[in-house]
Amino acid sequence: MVTAQQIEDGEEENLNDIREQKKKKLQEALQAYREQQKVEQIKKAFLIKVLDSEAFERIMNVKISNKELYDKAIEILMYLYQQRKISENRKLNEKELKSILSRLINNYEPTIEFKRKGD
């Protein structure tokens, strides 16, 4: 026969397991957040290195308004840097950045899919 004490002990073990799982998930989320922050710091340092102050301010505004465009712009800027099209000695100005952004915007075509219930 199961006693009340045994039931309480089992419930306490379950609560401890749940607490441990929550703690582990929280730690994993915190670690992921820290890694994301580290990546953002690296991106920001790169942008400061290759953009003048006005261009940097513009790309930060793009980041706030359109994260996808911001990420694509960074990809393009990194590619240009790797190809030595831009360098630390000659930073891109706002006009040049606008040109890159407008090309990215013009190439962007959102797609809409319609799915029907029997298909």
N, C-alpha and C. Protein backbone atom coordinates (compact mmCIF):
# COMPACT_ATOMS: atom_id res chain seq x y z
N MET A 1 0.83 -1.17 0.00
CA MET A 1 0.00 0.00 0.00
C MET A 1 0.88 1.25 0.00
N VAL A 2 0.47 2.24 -0.77
CA VAL A 2 1.23 3.48 -0.91
C VAL A 2 0.80 4.45 0.18
N THR A 3 1.81 5.00 0.82
CA THR A 3 1.51 5.93 1.90
C THR A 3 1.50 7.36 1.38
N ALA A 4 0.96 8.25 2.18
CA ALA A 4 0.90 9.66 1.81
C ALA A 4 2.31 10.23 1.68
N GLN A 5 3.23 9.77 2.51
CA GLN A 5 4.62 10.24 2.45
C GLN A 5 5.26 9.86 1.12
N GLN A 6 5.00 8.64 0.64
CA GLN A 6 5.56 8.20 -0.63
C GLN A 6 5.01 9.04 -1.78
N ILE A 7 3.75 9.38 -1.72
CA ILE A 7 3.13 10.22 -2.76
C ILE A 7 3.77 11.59 -2.75
N GLU A 8 3.96 12.16 -1.55
CA GLU A 8 4.59 13.47 -1.44
C GLU A 8 6.01 13.44 -1.97
N ASP A 9 6.75 12.38 -1.65
CA ASP A 9 8.13 12.25 -2.12
C ASP A 9 8.17 12.17 -3.66
N GLY A 10 7.24 11.44 -4.23
CA GLY A 10 7.17 11.32 -5.69
C GLY A 10 6.83 12.65 -6.35
N GLU A 11 5.91 13.38 -5.75
CA GLU A 11 5.54 14.69 -6.29
C GLU A 11 6.70 15.67 -6.18
N GLU A 12 7.43 15.59 -5.08
CA GLU A 12 8.58 16.47 -4.89
C GLU A 12 9.66 16.16 -5.91
N GLU A 13 9.88 14.88 -6.19
CA GLU A 13 10.86 14.51 -7.21
C GLU A 13 10.43 15.04 -8.57
N ASN A 14 9.15 14.93 -8.89
CA ASN A 14 8.65 15.44 -10.16
C ASN A 14 8.85 16.96 -10.24
N LEU A 15 8.55 17.66 -9.14
CA LEU A 15 8.75 19.11 -9.12
C LEU A 15 10.22 19.47 -9.31
N ASN A 16 11.10 18.71 -8.66
CA ASN A 16 12.53 18.95 -8.82
C ASN A 16 12.97 18.72 -10.27
N ASP A 17 12.44 17.65 -10.88
CA ASP A 17 12.77 17.38 -12.29
C ASP A 17 12.29 18.51 -13.19
N ILE A 18 11.09 18.99 -12.94
CA ILE A 18 10.54 20.09 -13.73
C ILE A 18 11.38 21.35 -13.54
N ARG A 19 11.77 21.61 -12.31
CA ARG A 19 12.62 22.78 -12.03
C ARG A 19 13.96 22.67 -12.76
N GLU A 20 14.55 21.49 -12.74
CA GLU A 20 15.83 21.27 -13.42
C GLU A 20 15.68 21.47 -14.93
N GLN A 21 14.59 20.95 -15.50
CA GLN A 21 14.36 21.12 -16.93
C GLN A 21 14.19 22.59 -17.29
N LYS A 22 13.42 23.32 -16.48
CA LYS A 22 13.23 24.75 -16.72
C LYS A 22 14.55 25.50 -16.60
N LYS A 23 15.32 25.14 -15.60
CA LYS A 23 16.62 25.79 -15.40
C LYS A 23 17.54 25.53 -16.58
N LYS A 24 17.53 24.30 -17.08
CA LYS A 24 18.37 23.94 -18.22
C LYS A 24 17.93 24.71 -19.48
N LYS A 25 16.62 24.79 -19.71
CA LYS A 25 16.11 25.53 -20.86
C LYS A 25 16.46 27.01 -20.76
N LEU A 26 16.37 27.56 -19.58
CA LEU A 26 16.71 28.96 -19.36
C LEU A 26 18.19 29.21 -19.64
N GLN A 27 19.03 28.30 -19.19
CA GLN A 27 20.47 28.44 -19.42
C GLN A 27 20.77 28.33 -20.92
N GLU A 28 20.10 27.42 -21.61
CA GLU A 28 20.30 27.29 -23.06
C GLU A 28 19.85 28.55 -23.79
N ALA A 29 18.72 29.11 -23.38
CA ALA A 29 18.22 30.34 -24.00
C ALA A 29 19.18 31.49 -23.74
N LEU A 30 19.71 31.57 -22.54
CA LEU A 30 20.67 32.61 -22.19
C LEU A 30 21.95 32.47 -23.01
N GLN A 31 22.41 31.25 -23.19
CA GLN A 31 23.61 31.00 -23.99
C GLN A 31 23.37 31.40 -25.45
N ALA A 32 22.20 31.05 -25.99
CA ALA A 32 21.87 31.42 -27.36
C ALA A 32 21.81 32.94 -27.50
N TYR A 33 21.23 33.60 -26.52
CA TYR A 33 21.16 35.07 -26.54
C TYR A 33 22.55 35.68 -26.52
N ARG A 34 23.43 35.16 -25.68
CA ARG A 34 24.80 35.68 -25.60
C ARG A 34 25.53 35.48 -26.93
N GLU A 35 25.34 34.33 -27.55
CA GLU A 35 25.98 34.07 -28.84
C GLU A 35 25.45 35.04 -29.91
N GLN A 36 24.16 35.28 -29.89
CA GLN A 36 23.55 36.21 -30.83
C GLN A 36 24.11 37.62 -30.62
N GLN A 37 24.25 38.02 -29.37
CA GLN A 37 24.80 39.34 -29.06
C GLN A 37 26.25 39.45 -29.54
N LYS A 38 27.00 38.36 -29.40
CA LYS A 38 28.40 38.35 -29.84
C LYS A 38 28.48 38.52 -31.35
N VAL A 39 27.61 37.83 -32.08
CA VAL A 39 27.56 37.95 -33.53
C VAL A 39 27.21 39.38 -33.93
N GLU A 40 26.24 39.97 -33.24
CA GLU A 40 25.84 41.35 -33.53
C GLU A 40 27.00 42.31 -33.27
N GLN A 41 27.77 42.08 -32.23
CA GLN A 41 28.92 42.93 -31.94
C GLN A 41 29.96 42.83 -33.06
N ILE A 42 30.17 41.63 -33.56
CA ILE A 42 31.12 41.43 -34.65
C ILE A 42 30.64 42.15 -35.91
N LYS A 43 29.34 42.01 -36.22
CA LYS A 43 28.78 42.71 -37.37
C LYS A 43 28.94 44.21 -37.23
N LYS A 44 28.64 44.72 -36.05
CA LYS A 44 28.71 46.16 -35.81
C LYS A 44 30.15 46.65 -35.96
N ALA A 45 31.11 45.91 -35.44
CA ALA A 45 32.53 46.28 -35.57
C ALA A 45 32.94 46.31 -37.04
N PHE A 46 32.47 45.32 -37.79
CA PHE A 46 32.77 45.28 -39.23
C PHE A 46 32.19 46.50 -39.93
N LEU A 47 30.94 46.83 -39.61
CA LEU A 47 30.29 47.97 -40.25
C LEU A 47 30.99 49.28 -39.92
N ILE A 48 31.42 49.43 -38.69
CA ILE A 48 32.16 50.64 -38.30
C ILE A 48 33.46 50.73 -39.09
N LYS A 49 34.05 49.57 -39.38
CA LYS A 49 35.32 49.53 -40.10
C LYS A 49 35.15 49.93 -41.57
N VAL A 50 34.02 49.60 -42.20
CA VAL A 50 33.90 49.80 -43.65
C VAL A 50 32.93 50.92 -44.05
N LEU A 51 32.18 51.49 -43.11
CA LEU A 51 31.22 52.54 -43.44
C LEU A 51 31.59 53.84 -42.73
N ASP A 52 31.31 54.97 -43.40
CA ASP A 52 31.48 56.24 -42.70
C ASP A 52 30.31 56.43 -41.73
N SER A 53 30.34 57.49 -40.96
CA SER A 53 29.36 57.64 -39.88
C SER A 53 27.93 57.75 -40.38
N GLU A 54 27.70 58.49 -41.50
CA GLU A 54 26.34 58.63 -42.03
C GLU A 54 25.81 57.29 -42.56
N ALA A 55 26.69 56.56 -43.24
CA ALA A 55 26.29 55.26 -43.78
C ALA A 55 26.01 54.27 -42.65
N PHE A 56 26.84 54.35 -41.60
CA PHE A 56 26.62 53.48 -40.45
C PHE A 56 25.28 53.78 -39.80
N GLU A 57 24.97 55.04 -39.65
CA GLU A 57 23.69 55.43 -39.05
C GLU A 57 22.53 54.92 -39.90
N ARG A 58 22.66 55.02 -41.22
CA ARG A 58 21.60 54.55 -42.12
C ARG A 58 21.41 53.04 -41.99
N ILE A 59 22.50 52.28 -41.96
CA ILE A 59 22.36 50.81 -41.88
C ILE A 59 21.76 50.41 -40.54
N MET A 60 22.02 51.17 -39.49
CA MET A 60 21.41 50.87 -38.19
C MET A 60 19.90 51.16 -38.25
N ASN A 61 19.50 52.18 -38.99
CA ASN A 61 18.07 52.45 -39.17
C ASN A 61 17.41 51.34 -39.99
N VAL A 62 18.14 50.84 -40.98
CA VAL A 62 17.62 49.72 -41.78
C VAL A 62 17.45 48.49 -40.89
N LYS A 63 18.39 48.28 -40.00
CA LYS A 63 18.31 47.13 -39.08
C LYS A 63 17.02 47.18 -38.27
N ILE A 64 16.66 48.36 -37.82
CA ILE A 64 15.45 48.52 -37.02
C ILE A 64 14.20 48.29 -37.87
N SER A 65 14.22 48.79 -39.09
CA SER A 65 13.00 48.75 -39.90
C SER A 65 12.85 47.47 -40.73
N ASN A 66 13.97 46.88 -41.15
CA ASN A 66 13.88 45.72 -42.04
C ASN A 66 15.09 44.81 -41.80
N LYS A 67 14.95 43.86 -40.89
CA LYS A 67 16.05 42.98 -40.50
C LYS A 67 16.59 42.16 -41.67
N GLU A 68 15.70 41.70 -42.55
CA GLU A 68 16.14 40.89 -43.71
C GLU A 68 17.04 41.71 -44.63
N LEU A 69 16.64 42.94 -44.91
CA LEU A 69 17.44 43.81 -45.77
C LEU A 69 18.78 44.10 -45.11
N TYR A 70 18.78 44.32 -43.83
CA TYR A 70 20.01 44.55 -43.07
C TYR A 70 20.96 43.36 -43.21
N ASP A 71 20.43 42.15 -43.01
CA ASP A 71 21.27 40.95 -43.13
C ASP A 71 21.82 40.78 -44.53
N LYS A 72 20.99 41.02 -45.54
CA LYS A 72 21.45 40.90 -46.93
C LYS A 72 22.51 41.95 -47.23
N ALA A 73 22.31 43.16 -46.73
CA ALA A 73 23.28 44.22 -46.96
C ALA A 73 24.63 43.87 -46.32
N ILE A 74 24.61 43.29 -45.14
CA ILE A 74 25.86 42.88 -44.50
C ILE A 74 26.55 41.80 -45.32
N GLU A 75 25.78 40.85 -45.83
CA GLU A 75 26.36 39.81 -46.68
C GLU A 75 27.07 40.44 -47.88
N ILE A 76 26.41 41.40 -48.53
CA ILE A 76 27.00 42.06 -49.69
C ILE A 76 28.26 42.82 -49.28
N LEU A 77 28.18 43.55 -48.19
CA LEU A 77 29.34 44.33 -47.73
C LEU A 77 30.52 43.41 -47.39
N MET A 78 30.24 42.28 -46.77
CA MET A 78 31.32 41.33 -46.45
C MET A 78 31.94 40.77 -47.73
N TYR A 79 31.09 40.47 -48.69
CA TYR A 79 31.59 39.97 -49.97
C TYR A 79 32.48 41.02 -50.64
N LEU A 80 32.02 42.25 -50.67
CA LEU A 80 32.81 43.33 -51.27
C LEU A 80 34.14 43.52 -50.53
N TYR A 81 34.10 43.39 -49.23
CA TYR A 81 35.32 43.51 -48.44
C TYR A 81 36.29 42.37 -48.75
N GLN A 82 35.76 41.16 -48.86
CA GLN A 82 36.61 40.01 -49.18
C GLN A 82 37.21 40.13 -50.58
N GLN A 83 36.45 40.73 -51.49
CA GLN A 83 36.93 40.91 -52.86
C GLN A 83 37.80 42.17 -53.00
N ARG A 84 38.03 42.83 -51.88
CA ARG A 84 38.83 44.04 -51.82
C ARG A 84 38.25 45.20 -52.63
N LYS A 85 36.94 45.21 -52.76
CA LYS A 85 36.24 46.31 -53.43
C LYS A 85 36.06 47.48 -52.46
N ILE A 86 36.01 47.17 -51.18
CA ILE A 86 36.00 48.19 -50.14
C ILE A 86 37.08 47.84 -49.13
N SER A 87 37.56 48.83 -48.41
CA SER A 87 38.61 48.57 -47.43
C SER A 87 38.46 49.51 -46.25
N GLU A 88 39.30 49.31 -45.26
CA GLU A 88 39.29 50.17 -44.08
C GLU A 88 39.79 51.57 -44.44
N ASN A 89 40.66 51.65 -45.44
CA ASN A 89 41.24 52.93 -45.83
C ASN A 89 40.23 53.82 -46.57
N ARG A 90 39.32 53.21 -47.31
CA ARG A 90 38.32 53.96 -48.05
C ARG A 90 36.95 53.43 -47.67
N LYS A 91 36.32 54.10 -46.75
CA LYS A 91 35.03 53.66 -46.25
C LYS A 91 33.92 54.05 -47.23
N LEU A 92 32.87 53.23 -47.26
CA LEU A 92 31.71 53.55 -48.09
C LEU A 92 30.95 54.72 -47.48
N ASN A 93 30.47 55.61 -48.33
CA ASN A 93 29.67 56.71 -47.81
C ASN A 93 28.19 56.36 -47.92
N GLU A 94 27.35 57.27 -47.46
CA GLU A 94 25.92 57.01 -47.42
C GLU A 94 25.34 56.82 -48.82
N LYS A 95 25.81 57.60 -49.78
CA LYS A 95 25.31 57.50 -51.15
C LYS A 95 25.59 56.11 -51.73
N GLU A 96 26.78 55.59 -51.50
CA GLU A 96 27.14 54.26 -52.00
C GLU A 96 26.31 53.18 -51.30
N LEU A 97 26.11 53.35 -50.02
CA LEU A 97 25.28 52.39 -49.28
C LEU A 97 23.85 52.42 -49.79
N LYS A 98 23.32 53.61 -50.03
CA LYS A 98 21.97 53.74 -50.58
C LYS A 98 21.85 52.99 -51.90
N SER A 99 22.88 53.09 -52.72
CA SER A 99 22.89 52.41 -54.01
C SER A 99 22.80 50.89 -53.81
N ILE A 100 23.57 50.37 -52.89
CA ILE A 100 23.54 48.93 -52.59
C ILE A 100 22.17 48.53 -52.07
N LEU A 101 21.64 49.32 -51.15
CA LEU A 101 20.33 49.01 -50.57
C LEU A 101 19.23 49.05 -51.63
N SER A 102 19.29 50.04 -52.51
CA SER A 102 18.24 50.14 -53.54
C SER A 102 18.30 48.95 -54.49
N ARG A 103 19.51 48.49 -54.81
CA ARG A 103 19.62 47.29 -55.65
C ARG A 103 19.03 46.07 -54.96
N LEU A 104 19.29 45.96 -53.67
CA LEU A 104 18.74 44.83 -52.91
C LEU A 104 17.22 44.92 -52.86
N ILE A 105 16.70 46.12 -52.67
CA ILE A 105 15.24 46.30 -52.59
C ILE A 105 14.60 45.98 -53.94
N ASN A 106 15.22 46.44 -55.02
CA ASN A 106 14.66 46.20 -56.34
C ASN A 106 14.70 44.74 -56.74
N ASN A 107 15.67 43.99 -56.23
CA ASN A 107 15.76 42.56 -56.53
C ASN A 107 14.84 41.73 -55.67
N TYR A 108 14.32 42.33 -54.62
CA TYR A 108 13.47 41.60 -53.68
C TYR A 108 12.05 41.57 -54.21
N GLU A 109 11.55 40.37 -54.42
CA GLU A 109 10.18 40.19 -54.86
C GLU A 109 9.51 39.19 -53.94
N PRO A 110 8.64 39.66 -53.09
CA PRO A 110 7.95 38.72 -52.21
C PRO A 110 7.05 37.80 -53.02
N THR A 111 6.94 36.58 -52.57
CA THR A 111 6.07 35.64 -53.27
C THR A 111 4.89 35.30 -52.37
N ILE A 112 3.78 35.10 -53.04
CA ILE A 112 2.56 34.74 -52.32
C ILE A 112 2.09 33.41 -52.89
N GLU A 113 1.84 32.47 -52.01
CA GLU A 113 1.36 31.17 -52.43
C GLU A 113 -0.08 31.00 -51.94
N PHE A 114 -0.89 30.47 -52.81
CA PHE A 114 -2.27 30.15 -52.44
C PHE A 114 -2.39 28.64 -52.39
N LYS A 115 -2.82 28.14 -51.27
CA LYS A 115 -3.01 26.69 -51.13
C LYS A 115 -4.50 26.44 -50.92
N ARG A 116 -4.97 25.50 -51.65
CA ARG A 116 -6.38 25.16 -51.52
C ARG A 116 -6.52 23.93 -50.66
N LYS A 117 -7.66 23.80 -50.08
CA LYS A 117 -7.89 22.68 -49.16
C LYS A 117 -7.84 21.36 -49.86
N GLY A 118 -7.97 21.01 -50.90
CA GLY A 118 -7.92 19.65 -51.43
C GLY A 118 -6.61 19.35 -52.12
N ASP A 119 -5.73 20.31 -52.23
CA ASP A 119 -4.50 20.11 -53.00
C ASP A 119 -3.39 19.55 -52.16
